[in-house]
Amino acid sequence: PKEWMEEWRKELIVTSDYVAQHRVVLAEAEQRLVAFY
């Protein structure tokens, strides 16, 4: 539900600190992000 998505908004944001501190690998197709872990 949209209300749940809004409730989760802060925890779903990927921050630059998170990327700097952890291993984040992304996959791109035609220079567009399609997935990551």
Full PDB file with SEQRES, HELIX, SHEET, SSBOND, CRYST1, ORIGX, SCALE, CONECT and MASTER records, all heavy atoms in Angstrom:
SEQRES   1 A   37  PRO LYS GLU TRP MET GLU GLU TRP ARG LYS GLU LEU ILE          
SEQRES   2 A   37  VAL THR SER ASP TYR VAL ALA GLN HIS ARG VAL VAL LEU          
SEQRES   3 A   37  ALA GLU ALA GLU GLN ARG LEU VAL ALA PHE TYR                  
HELIX    1 AA1 LYS A    2  GLU A    7  1                                   6    
HELIX    2 AA2 ARG A    9  LEU A   12  1                                   4    
HELIX    3 AA3 SER A   16  GLN A   21  1                                   6    
SHEET    1 AA1 2 LEU A  26  ALA A  29  0                                        
SHEET    2 AA1 2 ARG A  32  PHE A  36 -1                                        
CRYST1    1.000    1.000    1.000  90.00  90.00  90.00 P 1           1          
ORIGX1      1.000000  0.000000  0.000000        0.00000                         
ORIGX2      0.000000  1.000000  0.000000        0.00000                         
ORIGX3      0.000000  0.000000  1.000000        0.00000                         
SCALE1      1.000000  0.000000  0.000000        0.00000                         
SCALE2      0.000000  1.000000  0.000000        0.00000                         
SCALE3      0.000000  0.000000  1.000000        0.00000                         
ATOM      1  N   PRO A   1       0.832  -1.214   0.000  1.00  0.00           N  
ATOM      2  CA  PRO A   1       0.000   0.000   0.000  1.00  0.00           C  
ATOM      3  C   PRO A   1       0.865   1.262   0.000  1.00  0.00           C  
ATOM      4  O   PRO A   1       1.962   1.280   0.578  1.00  0.00           O  
ATOM      5  CB  PRO A   1      -0.780  -0.108   1.324  1.00  0.00           C  
ATOM      6  CG  PRO A   1      -0.706  -1.540   1.732  1.00  0.00           C  
ATOM      7  CD  PRO A   1       0.586  -2.067   1.162  1.00  0.00           C  
ATOM      8  N   LYS A   2       0.353   2.306  -0.621  1.00  0.00           N  
ATOM      9  CA  LYS A   2       1.084   3.572  -0.696  1.00  0.00           C  
ATOM     10  C   LYS A   2       1.438   4.106   0.692  1.00  0.00           C  
ATOM     11  O   LYS A   2       2.500   4.678   0.888  1.00  0.00           O  
ATOM     12  CB  LYS A   2       0.282   4.615  -1.467  1.00  0.00           C  
ATOM     13  CG  LYS A   2       0.243   4.333  -2.937  1.00  0.00           C  
ATOM     14  CD  LYS A   2      -0.504   5.389  -3.703  1.00  0.00           C  
ATOM     15  CE  LYS A   2      -0.516   4.907  -5.136  1.00  0.00           C  
ATOM     16  NZ  LYS A   2      -1.037   5.790  -6.073  1.00  0.00           N  
ATOM     17  N   GLU A   3       0.543   3.888   1.655  1.00  0.00           N  
ATOM     18  CA  GLU A   3       0.800   4.358   3.018  1.00  0.00           C  
ATOM     19  C   GLU A   3       2.021   3.657   3.614  1.00  0.00           C  
ATOM     20  O   GLU A   3       2.792   4.254   4.356  1.00  0.00           O  
ATOM     21  CB  GLU A   3      -0.417   4.106   3.926  1.00  0.00           C  
ATOM     22  CG  GLU A   3      -1.682   4.825   3.490  1.00  0.00           C  
ATOM     23  CD  GLU A   3      -2.439   4.100   2.366  1.00  0.00           C  
ATOM     24  OE1 GLU A   3      -2.197   2.895   2.118  1.00  0.00           O  
ATOM     25  OE2 GLU A   3      -3.259   4.761   1.719  1.00  0.00           O  
ATOM     26  N   TRP A   4       2.177   2.367   3.303  1.00  0.00           N  
ATOM     27  CA  TRP A   4       3.335   1.626   3.800  1.00  0.00           C  
ATOM     28  C   TRP A   4       4.608   2.158   3.142  1.00  0.00           C  
ATOM     29  O   TRP A   4       5.629   2.336   3.802  1.00  0.00           O  
ATOM     30  CB  TRP A   4       3.200   0.136   3.516  1.00  0.00           C  
ATOM     31  CG  TRP A   4       2.165  -0.574   4.319  1.00  0.00           C  
ATOM     32  CD1 TRP A   4       1.060  -0.040   4.923  1.00  0.00           C  
ATOM     33  CD2 TRP A   4       2.141  -1.974   4.595  1.00  0.00           C  
ATOM     34  NE1 TRP A   4       0.355  -1.021   5.551  1.00  0.00           N  
ATOM     35  CE2 TRP A   4       0.978  -2.223   5.364  1.00  0.00           C  
ATOM     36  CE3 TRP A   4       2.962  -3.031   4.255  1.00  0.00           C  
ATOM     37  CZ2 TRP A   4       0.648  -3.489   5.808  1.00  0.00           C  
ATOM     38  CZ3 TRP A   4       2.628  -4.305   4.689  1.00  0.00           C  
ATOM     39  CH2 TRP A   4       1.477  -4.525   5.461  1.00  0.00           C  
ATOM     40  N   MET A   5       4.536   2.377   1.843  1.00  0.00           N  
ATOM     41  CA  MET A   5       5.709   2.886   1.127  1.00  0.00           C  
ATOM     42  C   MET A   5       6.141   4.223   1.730  1.00  0.00           C  
ATOM     43  O   MET A   5       7.334   4.464   1.904  1.00  0.00           O  
ATOM     44  CB  MET A   5       5.394   3.041  -0.369  1.00  0.00           C  
ATOM     45  CG  MET A   5       5.147   1.734  -1.096  1.00  0.00           C  
ATOM     46  SD  MET A   5       6.588   0.665  -1.192  1.00  0.00           S  
ATOM     47  CE  MET A   5       7.680   1.653  -2.209  1.00  0.00           C  
ATOM     48  N   GLU A   6       5.181   5.077   2.054  1.00  0.00           N  
ATOM     49  CA  GLU A   6       5.509   6.364   2.659  1.00  0.00           C  
ATOM     50  C   GLU A   6       6.110   6.169   4.054  1.00  0.00           C  
ATOM     51  O   GLU A   6       7.072   6.835   4.423  1.00  0.00           O  
ATOM     52  CB  GLU A   6       4.267   7.256   2.712  1.00  0.00           C  
ATOM     53  CG  GLU A   6       4.554   8.687   3.058  1.00  0.00           C  
ATOM     54  CD  GLU A   6       5.569   9.350   2.127  1.00  0.00           C  
ATOM     55  OE1 GLU A   6       5.558   9.125   0.901  1.00  0.00           O  
ATOM     56  OE2 GLU A   6       6.406  10.116   2.656  1.00  0.00           O  
ATOM     57  N   GLU A   7       5.580   5.229   4.811  1.00  0.00           N  
ATOM     58  CA  GLU A   7       6.097   4.921   6.144  1.00  0.00           C  
ATOM     59  C   GLU A   7       7.558   4.455   6.075  1.00  0.00           C  
ATOM     60  O   GLU A   7       8.358   4.733   6.970  1.00  0.00           O  
ATOM     61  CB  GLU A   7       5.213   3.849   6.794  1.00  0.00           C  
ATOM     62  CG  GLU A   7       5.609   3.461   8.186  1.00  0.00           C  
ATOM     63  CD  GLU A   7       5.298   4.504   9.252  1.00  0.00           C  
ATOM     64  OE1 GLU A   7       4.603   5.498   8.963  1.00  0.00           O  
ATOM     65  OE2 GLU A   7       5.765   4.333  10.388  1.00  0.00           O  
ATOM     66  N   TRP A   8       7.895   3.728   5.023  1.00  0.00           N  
ATOM     67  CA  TRP A   8       9.244   3.188   4.846  1.00  0.00           C  
ATOM     68  C   TRP A   8      10.212   4.156   4.171  1.00  0.00           C  
ATOM     69  O   TRP A   8      11.392   3.851   3.989  1.00  0.00           O  
ATOM     70  CB  TRP A   8       9.192   1.911   4.014  1.00  0.00           C  
ATOM     71  CG  TRP A   8       8.541   0.745   4.665  1.00  0.00           C  
ATOM     72  CD1 TRP A   8       8.518   0.445   5.992  1.00  0.00           C  
ATOM     73  CD2 TRP A   8       7.832  -0.295   4.013  1.00  0.00           C  
ATOM     74  NE1 TRP A   8       7.829  -0.728   6.193  1.00  0.00           N  
ATOM     75  CE2 TRP A   8       7.394  -1.202   4.995  1.00  0.00           C  
ATOM     76  CE3 TRP A   8       7.512  -0.557   2.685  1.00  0.00           C  
ATOM     77  CZ2 TRP A   8       6.668  -2.346   4.693  1.00  0.00           C  
ATOM     78  CZ3 TRP A   8       6.781  -1.698   2.374  1.00  0.00           C  
ATOM     79  CH2 TRP A   8       6.366  -2.575   3.375  1.00  0.00           C  
ATOM     80  N   ARG A   9       9.725   5.318   3.752  1.00  0.00           N  
ATOM     81  CA  ARG A   9      10.512   6.223   2.904  1.00  0.00           C  
ATOM     82  C   ARG A   9      11.940   6.408   3.411  1.00  0.00           C  
ATOM     83  O   ARG A   9      12.900   6.218   2.662  1.00  0.00           O  
ATOM     84  CB  ARG A   9       9.813   7.577   2.777  1.00  0.00           C  
ATOM     85  CG  ARG A   9      10.621   8.592   1.974  1.00  0.00           C  
ATOM     86  CD  ARG A   9       9.810   9.800   1.581  1.00  0.00           C  
ATOM     87  NE  ARG A   9       8.718   9.476   0.682  1.00  0.00           N  
ATOM     88  CZ  ARG A   9       8.855   9.198  -0.628  1.00  0.00           C  
ATOM     89  NH1 ARG A   9      10.052   9.198  -1.163  1.00  0.00           N  
ATOM     90  NH2 ARG A   9       7.814   8.930  -1.360  1.00  0.00           N  
ATOM     91  N   LYS A  10      12.126   6.773   4.685  1.00  0.00           N  
ATOM     92  CA  LYS A  10      13.480   7.058   5.190  1.00  0.00           C  
ATOM     93  C   LYS A  10      14.388   5.838   5.132  1.00  0.00           C  
ATOM     94  O   LYS A  10      15.553   5.951   4.782  1.00  0.00           O  
ATOM     95  CB  LYS A  10      13.402   7.591   6.625  1.00  0.00           C  
ATOM     96  CG  LYS A  10      12.979   9.044   6.694  1.00  0.00           C  
ATOM     97  CD  LYS A  10      12.906   9.531   8.112  1.00  0.00           C  
ATOM     98  CE  LYS A  10      14.261  10.046   8.537  1.00  0.00           C  
ATOM     99  NZ  LYS A  10      14.218  10.723   9.846  1.00  0.00           N  
ATOM    100  N   GLU A  11      13.859   4.670   5.464  1.00  0.00           N  
ATOM    101  CA  GLU A  11      14.724   3.487   5.488  1.00  0.00           C  
ATOM    102  C   GLU A  11      15.018   2.932   4.087  1.00  0.00           C  
ATOM    103  O   GLU A  11      15.936   2.126   3.938  1.00  0.00           O  
ATOM    104  CB  GLU A  11      14.168   2.401   6.408  1.00  0.00           C  
ATOM    105  CG  GLU A  11      12.860   1.803   5.976  1.00  0.00           C  
ATOM    106  CD  GLU A  11      12.250   0.924   7.052  1.00  0.00           C  
ATOM    107  OE1 GLU A  11      11.817   1.460   8.070  1.00  0.00           O  
ATOM    108  OE2 GLU A  11      12.221  -0.301   6.837  1.00  0.00           O  
ATOM    109  N   LEU A  12      14.261   3.349   3.089  1.00  0.00           N  
ATOM    110  CA  LEU A  12      14.497   2.882   1.723  1.00  0.00           C  
ATOM    111  C   LEU A  12      15.490   3.756   0.956  1.00  0.00           C  
ATOM    112  O   LEU A  12      15.935   3.388  -0.129  1.00  0.00           O  
ATOM    113  CB  LEU A  12      13.184   2.776   0.943  1.00  0.00           C  
ATOM    114  CG  LEU A  12      12.183   1.735   1.450  1.00  0.00           C  
ATOM    115  CD1 LEU A  12      10.897   1.793   0.633  1.00  0.00           C  
ATOM    116  CD2 LEU A  12      12.779   0.337   1.421  1.00  0.00           C  
ATOM    117  N   ILE A  13      15.847   4.885   1.515  1.00  0.00           N  
ATOM    118  CA  ILE A  13      16.784   5.785   0.840  1.00  0.00           C  
ATOM    119  C   ILE A  13      18.207   5.232   0.958  1.00  0.00           C  
ATOM    120  O   ILE A  13      18.647   4.855   2.035  1.00  0.00           O  
ATOM    121  CB  ILE A  13      16.701   7.204   1.434  1.00  0.00           C  
ATOM    122  CG1 ILE A  13      15.331   7.807   1.099  1.00  0.00           C  
ATOM    123  CG2 ILE A  13      17.836   8.083   0.923  1.00  0.00           C  
ATOM    124  CD1 ILE A  13      15.059   9.127   1.796  1.00  0.00           C  
ATOM    125  N   VAL A  14      18.885   5.168  -0.162  1.00  0.00           N  
ATOM    126  CA  VAL A  14      20.289   4.748  -0.191  1.00  0.00           C  
ATOM    127  C   VAL A  14      21.128   6.017  -0.122  1.00  0.00           C  
ATOM    128  O   VAL A  14      21.073   6.848  -1.024  1.00  0.00           O  
ATOM    129  CB  VAL A  14      20.619   3.944  -1.466  1.00  0.00           C  
ATOM    130  CG1 VAL A  14      22.081   3.515  -1.454  1.00  0.00           C  
ATOM    131  CG2 VAL A  14      19.695   2.745  -1.607  1.00  0.00           C  
ATOM    132  N   THR A  15      21.876   6.163   0.946  1.00  0.00           N  
ATOM    133  CA  THR A  15      22.650   7.390   1.162  1.00  0.00           C  
ATOM    134  C   THR A  15      24.066   7.271   0.603  1.00  0.00           C  
ATOM    135  O   THR A  15      24.588   6.172   0.413  1.00  0.00           O  
ATOM    136  CB  THR A  15      22.733   7.711   2.667  1.00  0.00           C  
ATOM    137  OG1 THR A  15      23.500   6.681   3.308  1.00  0.00           O  
ATOM    138  CG2 THR A  15      21.355   7.827   3.300  1.00  0.00           C  
ATOM    139  N   SER A  16      24.684   8.414   0.409  1.00  0.00           N  
ATOM    140  CA  SER A  16      26.077   8.410  -0.052  1.00  0.00           C  
ATOM    141  C   SER A  16      26.979   7.822   1.029  1.00  0.00           C  
ATOM    142  O   SER A  16      27.974   7.171   0.706  1.00  0.00           O  
ATOM    143  CB  SER A  16      26.521   9.814  -0.465  1.00  0.00           C  
ATOM    144  OG  SER A  16      26.349  10.720   0.596  1.00  0.00           O  
ATOM    145  N   ASP A  17      26.645   8.013   2.310  1.00  0.00           N  
ATOM    146  CA  ASP A  17      27.418   7.394   3.388  1.00  0.00           C  
ATOM    147  C   ASP A  17      27.353   5.873   3.289  1.00  0.00           C  
ATOM    148  O   ASP A  17      28.360   5.190   3.490  1.00  0.00           O  
ATOM    149  CB  ASP A  17      26.912   7.835   4.764  1.00  0.00           C  
ATOM    150  CG  ASP A  17      27.337   9.243   5.130  1.00  0.00           C  
ATOM    151  OD1 ASP A  17      28.251   9.787   4.464  1.00  0.00           O  
ATOM    152  OD2 ASP A  17      26.757   9.801   6.079  1.00  0.00           O  
ATOM    153  N   TYR A  18      26.152   5.342   2.994  1.00  0.00           N  
ATOM    154  CA  TYR A  18      26.015   3.887   2.873  1.00  0.00           C  
ATOM    155  C   TYR A  18      26.918   3.371   1.747  1.00  0.00           C  
ATOM    156  O   TYR A  18      27.646   2.391   1.921  1.00  0.00           O  
ATOM    157  CB  TYR A  18      24.555   3.478   2.613  1.00  0.00           C  
ATOM    158  CG  TYR A  18      24.396   1.982   2.607  1.00  0.00           C  
ATOM    159  CD1 TYR A  18      24.157   1.293   3.791  1.00  0.00           C  
ATOM    160  CD2 TYR A  18      24.537   1.241   1.438  1.00  0.00           C  
ATOM    161  CE1 TYR A  18      24.063  -0.095   3.810  1.00  0.00           C  
ATOM    162  CE2 TYR A  18      24.449  -0.136   1.441  1.00  0.00           C  
ATOM    163  CZ  TYR A  18      24.203  -0.791   2.632  1.00  0.00           C  
ATOM    164  OH  TYR A  18      24.129  -2.168   2.639  1.00  0.00           O  
ATOM    165  N   VAL A  19      26.877   4.036   0.612  1.00  0.00           N  
ATOM    166  CA  VAL A  19      27.692   3.619  -0.540  1.00  0.00           C  
ATOM    167  C   VAL A  19      29.181   3.720  -0.211  1.00  0.00           C  
ATOM    168  O   VAL A  19      29.969   2.844  -0.590  1.00  0.00           O  
ATOM    169  CB  VAL A  19      27.328   4.444  -1.794  1.00  0.00           C  
ATOM    170  CG1 VAL A  19      28.320   4.211  -2.921  1.00  0.00           C  
ATOM    171  CG2 VAL A  19      25.909   4.111  -2.250  1.00  0.00           C  
ATOM    172  N   ALA A  20      29.569   4.750   0.521  1.00  0.00           N  
ATOM    173  CA  ALA A  20      30.981   4.934   0.862  1.00  0.00           C  
ATOM    174  C   ALA A  20      31.469   3.898   1.877  1.00  0.00           C  
ATOM    175  O   ALA A  20      32.631   3.502   1.851  1.00  0.00           O  
ATOM    176  CB  ALA A  20      31.201   6.344   1.409  1.00  0.00           C  
ATOM    177  N   GLN A  21      30.577   3.422   2.749  1.00  0.00           N  
ATOM    178  CA  GLN A  21      30.986   2.535   3.845  1.00  0.00           C  
ATOM    179  C   GLN A  21      30.805   1.052   3.559  1.00  0.00           C  
ATOM    180  O   GLN A  21      31.342   0.219   4.287  1.00  0.00           O  
ATOM    181  CB  GLN A  21      30.206   2.892   5.115  1.00  0.00           C  
ATOM    182  CG  GLN A  21      30.550   4.260   5.643  1.00  0.00           C  
ATOM    183  CD  GLN A  21      29.602   4.704   6.747  1.00  0.00           C  
ATOM    184  OE1 GLN A  21      28.847   3.916   7.288  1.00  0.00           O  
ATOM    185  NE2 GLN A  21      29.651   5.972   7.079  1.00  0.00           N  
ATOM    186  N   HIS A  22      30.029   0.701   2.534  1.00  0.00           N  
ATOM    187  CA  HIS A  22      29.712  -0.703   2.277  1.00  0.00           C  
ATOM    188  C   HIS A  22      29.964  -1.056   0.814  1.00  0.00           C  
ATOM    189  O   HIS A  22      30.219  -0.187  -0.011  1.00  0.00           O  
ATOM    190  CB  HIS A  22      28.255  -0.992   2.670  1.00  0.00           C  
ATOM    191  CG  HIS A  22      27.967  -0.673   4.098  1.00  0.00           C  
ATOM    192  ND1 HIS A  22      28.474  -1.396   5.151  1.00  0.00           N  
ATOM    193  CD2 HIS A  22      27.251   0.328   4.649  1.00  0.00           C  
ATOM    194  CE1 HIS A  22      28.077  -0.878   6.291  1.00  0.00           C  
ATOM    195  NE2 HIS A  22      27.334   0.183   6.022  1.00  0.00           N  
ATOM    196  N   ARG A  23      29.868  -2.336   0.526  1.00  0.00           N  
ATOM    197  CA  ARG A  23      30.066  -2.830  -0.841  1.00  0.00           C  
ATOM    198  C   ARG A  23      28.728  -2.757  -1.576  1.00  0.00           C  
ATOM    199  O   ARG A  23      27.805  -3.504  -1.257  1.00  0.00           O  
ATOM    200  CB  ARG A  23      30.579  -4.272  -0.780  1.00  0.00           C  
ATOM    201  CG  ARG A  23      30.764  -4.919  -2.116  1.00  0.00           C  
ATOM    202  CD  ARG A  23      32.098  -4.526  -2.730  1.00  0.00           C  
ATOM    203  NE  ARG A  23      32.357  -5.410  -3.851  1.00  0.00           N  
ATOM    204  CZ  ARG A  23      32.674  -4.971  -5.045  1.00  0.00           C  
ATOM    205  NH1 ARG A  23      32.807  -3.682  -5.276  1.00  0.00           N  
ATOM    206  NH2 ARG A  23      32.896  -5.824  -6.025  1.00  0.00           N  
ATOM    207  N   VAL A  24      28.629  -1.849  -2.525  1.00  0.00           N  
ATOM    208  CA  VAL A  24      27.420  -1.703  -3.334  1.00  0.00           C  
ATOM    209  C   VAL A  24      27.826  -1.891  -4.786  1.00  0.00           C  
ATOM    210  O   VAL A  24      28.700  -1.186  -5.291  1.00  0.00           O  
ATOM    211  CB  VAL A  24      26.750  -0.319  -3.124  1.00  0.00           C  
ATOM    212  CG1 VAL A  24      25.500  -0.193  -3.990  1.00  0.00           C  
ATOM    213  CG2 VAL A  24      26.414  -0.109  -1.650  1.00  0.00           C  
ATOM    214  N   VAL A  25      27.207  -2.864  -5.431  1.00  0.00           N  
ATOM    215  CA  VAL A  25      27.530  -3.195  -6.819  1.00  0.00           C  
ATOM    216  C   VAL A  25      26.258  -3.051  -7.642  1.00  0.00           C  
ATOM    217  O   VAL A  25      25.194  -3.564  -7.272  1.00  0.00           O  
ATOM    218  CB  VAL A  25      28.090  -4.637  -6.918  1.00  0.00           C  
ATOM    219  CG1 VAL A  25      28.271  -5.054  -8.366  1.00  0.00           C  
ATOM    220  CG2 VAL A  25      29.412  -4.731  -6.163  1.00  0.00           C  
ATOM    221  N   LEU A  26      26.381  -2.359  -8.745  1.00  0.00           N  
ATOM    222  CA  LEU A  26      25.207  -2.154  -9.583  1.00  0.00           C  
ATOM    223  C   LEU A  26      25.409  -2.746 -10.966  1.00  0.00           C  
ATOM    224  O   LEU A  26      26.529  -2.981 -11.406  1.00  0.00           O  
ATOM    225  CB  LEU A  26      24.835  -0.670  -9.644  1.00  0.00           C  
ATOM    226  CG  LEU A  26      25.866   0.343 -10.116  1.00  0.00           C  
ATOM    227  CD1 LEU A  26      25.913   0.411 -11.629  1.00  0.00           C  
ATOM    228  CD2 LEU A  26      25.517   1.699  -9.555  1.00  0.00           C  
ATOM    229  N   ALA A  27      24.285  -3.009 -11.599  1.00  0.00           N  
ATOM    230  CA  ALA A  27      24.279  -3.535 -12.965  1.00  0.00           C  
ATOM    231  C   ALA A  27      23.540  -2.531 -13.842  1.00  0.00           C  
ATOM    232  O   ALA A  27      22.466  -2.045 -13.485  1.00  0.00           O  
ATOM    233  CB  ALA A  27      23.585  -4.896 -13.013  1.00  0.00           C  
ATOM    234  N   GLU A  28      24.150  -2.245 -14.980  1.00  0.00           N  
ATOM    235  CA  GLU A  28      23.572  -1.289 -15.924  1.00  0.00           C  
ATOM    236  C   GLU A  28      23.400  -1.946 -17.282  1.00  0.00           C  
ATOM    237  O   GLU A  28      24.217  -2.763 -17.686  1.00  0.00           O  
ATOM    238  CB  GLU A  28      24.490  -0.081 -16.088  1.00  0.00           C  
ATOM    239  CG  GLU A  28      24.712   0.707 -14.826  1.00  0.00           C  
ATOM    240  CD  GLU A  28      25.795   1.768 -14.979  1.00  0.00           C  
ATOM    241  OE1 GLU A  28      26.873   1.456 -15.518  1.00  0.00           O  
ATOM    242  OE2 GLU A  28      25.548   2.895 -14.542  1.00  0.00           O  
ATOM    243  N   ALA A  29      22.338  -1.577 -17.951  1.00  0.00           N  
ATOM    244  CA  ALA A  29      22.097  -1.967 -19.343  1.00  0.00           C  
ATOM    245  C   ALA A  29      21.893  -0.672 -20.117  1.00  0.00           C  
ATOM    246  O   ALA A  29      21.047   0.146 -19.739  1.00  0.00           O  
ATOM    247  CB  ALA A  29      20.878  -2.865 -19.461  1.00  0.00           C  
ATOM    248  N   GLU A  30      22.669  -0.482 -21.161  1.00  0.00           N  
ATOM    249  CA  GLU A  30      22.597   0.741 -21.964  1.00  0.00           C  
ATOM    250  C   GLU A  30      22.706   1.980 -21.072  1.00  0.00           C  
ATOM    251  O   GLU A  30      21.927   2.927 -21.203  1.00  0.00           O  
ATOM    252  CB  GLU A  30      21.312   0.755 -22.792  1.00  0.00           C  
ATOM    253  CG  GLU A  30      21.247  -0.401 -23.779  1.00  0.00           C  
ATOM    254  CD  GLU A  30      19.931  -0.477 -24.521  1.00  0.00           C  
ATOM    255  OE1 GLU A  30      19.114   0.469 -24.417  1.00  0.00           O  
ATOM    256  OE2 GLU A  30      19.729  -1.479 -25.210  1.00  0.00           O  
ATOM    257  N   GLN A  31      23.643   1.943 -20.136  1.00  0.00           N  
ATOM    258  CA  GLN A  31      23.942   3.028 -19.209  1.00  0.00           C  
ATOM    259  C   GLN A  31      22.781   3.384 -18.283  1.00  0.00           C  
ATOM    260  O   GLN A  31      22.731   4.474 -17.732  1.00  0.00           O  
ATOM    261  CB  GLN A  31      24.433   4.265 -19.962  1.00  0.00           C  
ATOM    262  CG  GLN A  31      25.713   3.985 -20.721  1.00  0.00           C  
ATOM    263  CD  GLN A  31      26.222   5.201 -21.454  1.00  0.00           C  
ATOM    264  OE1 GLN A  31      25.498   6.146 -21.718  1.00  0.00           O  
ATOM    265  NE2 GLN A  31      27.499   5.170 -21.793  1.00  0.00           N  
ATOM    266  N   ARG A  32      21.838   2.440 -18.116  1.00  0.00           N  
ATOM    267  CA  ARG A  32      20.716   2.648 -17.189  1.00  0.00           C  
ATOM    268  C   ARG A  32      20.788   1.603 -16.086  1.00  0.00           C  
ATOM    269  O   ARG A  32      20.967   0.417 -16.365  1.00  0.00           O  
ATOM    270  CB  ARG A  32      19.378   2.545 -17.922  1.00  0.00           C  
ATOM    271  CG  ARG A  32      19.162   3.651 -18.951  1.00  0.00           C  
ATOM    272  CD  ARG A  32      17.803   3.504 -19.584  1.00  0.00           C  
ATOM    273  NE  ARG A  32      16.759   3.604 -18.575  1.00  0.00           N  
ATOM    274  CZ  ARG A  32      15.946   4.642 -18.440  1.00  0.00           C  
ATOM    275  NH1 ARG A  32      16.066   5.657 -19.240  1.00  0.00           N  
ATOM    276  NH2 ARG A  32      15.014   4.639 -17.521  1.00  0.00           N  
ATOM    277  N   LEU A  33      20.614   2.047 -14.856  1.00  0.00           N  
ATOM    278  CA  LEU A  33      20.636   1.158 -13.703  1.00  0.00           C  
ATOM    279  C   LEU A  33      19.464   0.182 -13.780  1.00  0.00           C  
ATOM    280  O   LEU A  33      18.321   0.596 -13.961  1.00  0.00           O  
ATOM    281  CB  LEU A  33      20.536   1.981 -12.413  1.00  0.00           C  
ATOM    282  CG  LEU A  33      20.431   1.206 -11.117  1.00  0.00           C  
ATOM    283  CD1 LEU A  33      21.713   0.440 -10.838  1.00  0.00           C  
ATOM    284  CD2 LEU A  33      20.117   2.168  -9.977  1.00  0.00           C  
ATOM    285  N   VAL A  34      19.755  -1.122 -13.674  1.00  0.00           N  
ATOM    286  CA  VAL A  34      18.679  -2.120 -13.700  1.00  0.00           C  
ATOM    287  C   VAL A  34      18.618  -2.945 -12.421  1.00  0.00           C  
ATOM    288  O   VAL A  34      17.586  -3.553 -12.129  1.00  0.00           O  
ATOM    289  CB  VAL A  34      18.778  -3.061 -14.927  1.00  0.00           C  
ATOM    290  CG1 VAL A  34      18.560  -2.272 -16.213  1.00  0.00           C  
ATOM    291  CG2 VAL A  34      20.087  -3.808 -14.969  1.00  0.00           C  
ATOM    292  N   ALA A  35      19.695  -2.956 -11.623  1.00  0.00           N  
ATOM    293  CA  ALA A  35      19.701  -3.751 -10.393  1.00  0.00           C  
ATOM    294  C   ALA A  35      20.938  -3.401  -9.578  1.00  0.00           C  
ATOM    295  O   ALA A  35      21.905  -2.835 -10.105  1.00  0.00           O  
ATOM    296  CB  ALA A  35      19.711  -5.243 -10.723  1.00  0.00           C  
ATOM    297  N   PHE A  36      20.886  -3.766  -8.273  1.00  0.00           N  
ATOM    298  CA  PHE A  36      22.083  -3.619  -7.454  1.00  0.00           C  
ATOM    299  C   PHE A  36      21.963  -4.459  -6.196  1.00  0.00           C  
ATOM    300  O   PHE A  36      20.877  -4.901  -5.823  1.00  0.00           O  
ATOM    301  CB  PHE A  36      22.361  -2.154  -7.103  1.00  0.00           C  
ATOM    302  CG  PHE A  36      21.498  -1.557  -6.021  1.00  0.00           C  
ATOM    303  CD1 PHE A  36      21.946  -1.514  -4.698  1.00  0.00           C  
ATOM    304  CD2 PHE A  36      20.262  -1.017  -6.310  1.00  0.00           C  
ATOM    305  CE1 PHE A  36      21.177  -0.945  -3.698  1.00  0.00           C  
ATOM    306  CE2 PHE A  36      19.477  -0.452  -5.321  1.00  0.00           C  
ATOM    307  CZ  PHE A  36      19.932  -0.414  -4.009  1.00  0.00           C  
ATOM    308  N   TYR A  37      23.121  -4.683  -5.571  1.00  0.00           N  
ATOM    309  CA  TYR A  37      23.129  -5.299  -4.247  1.00  0.00           C  
ATOM    310  C   TYR A  37      24.037  -4.494  -3.335  1.00  0.00           C  
ATOM    311  O   TYR A  37      24.914  -3.764  -3.791  1.00  0.00           O  
ATOM    312  CB  TYR A  37      23.545  -6.771  -4.285  1.00  0.00           C  
ATOM    313  CG  TYR A  37      24.958  -7.088  -4.696  1.00  0.00           C  
ATOM    314  CD1 TYR A  37      26.017  -7.000  -3.792  1.00  0.00           C  
ATOM    315  CD2 TYR A  37      25.245  -7.513  -5.991  1.00  0.00           C  
ATOM    316  CE1 TYR A  37      27.317  -7.311  -4.175  1.00  0.00           C  
ATOM    317  CE2 TYR A  37      26.538  -7.827  -6.377  1.00  0.00           C  
ATOM    318  CZ  TYR A  37      27.566  -7.726  -5.461  1.00  0.00           C  
ATOM    319  OH  TYR A  37      28.848  -8.025  -5.834  1.00  0.00           O  
TER     320      TYR A  37                                                      
MASTER        0    0    0    3    2    0    0    6  319    1    0    3          
END                                                                             
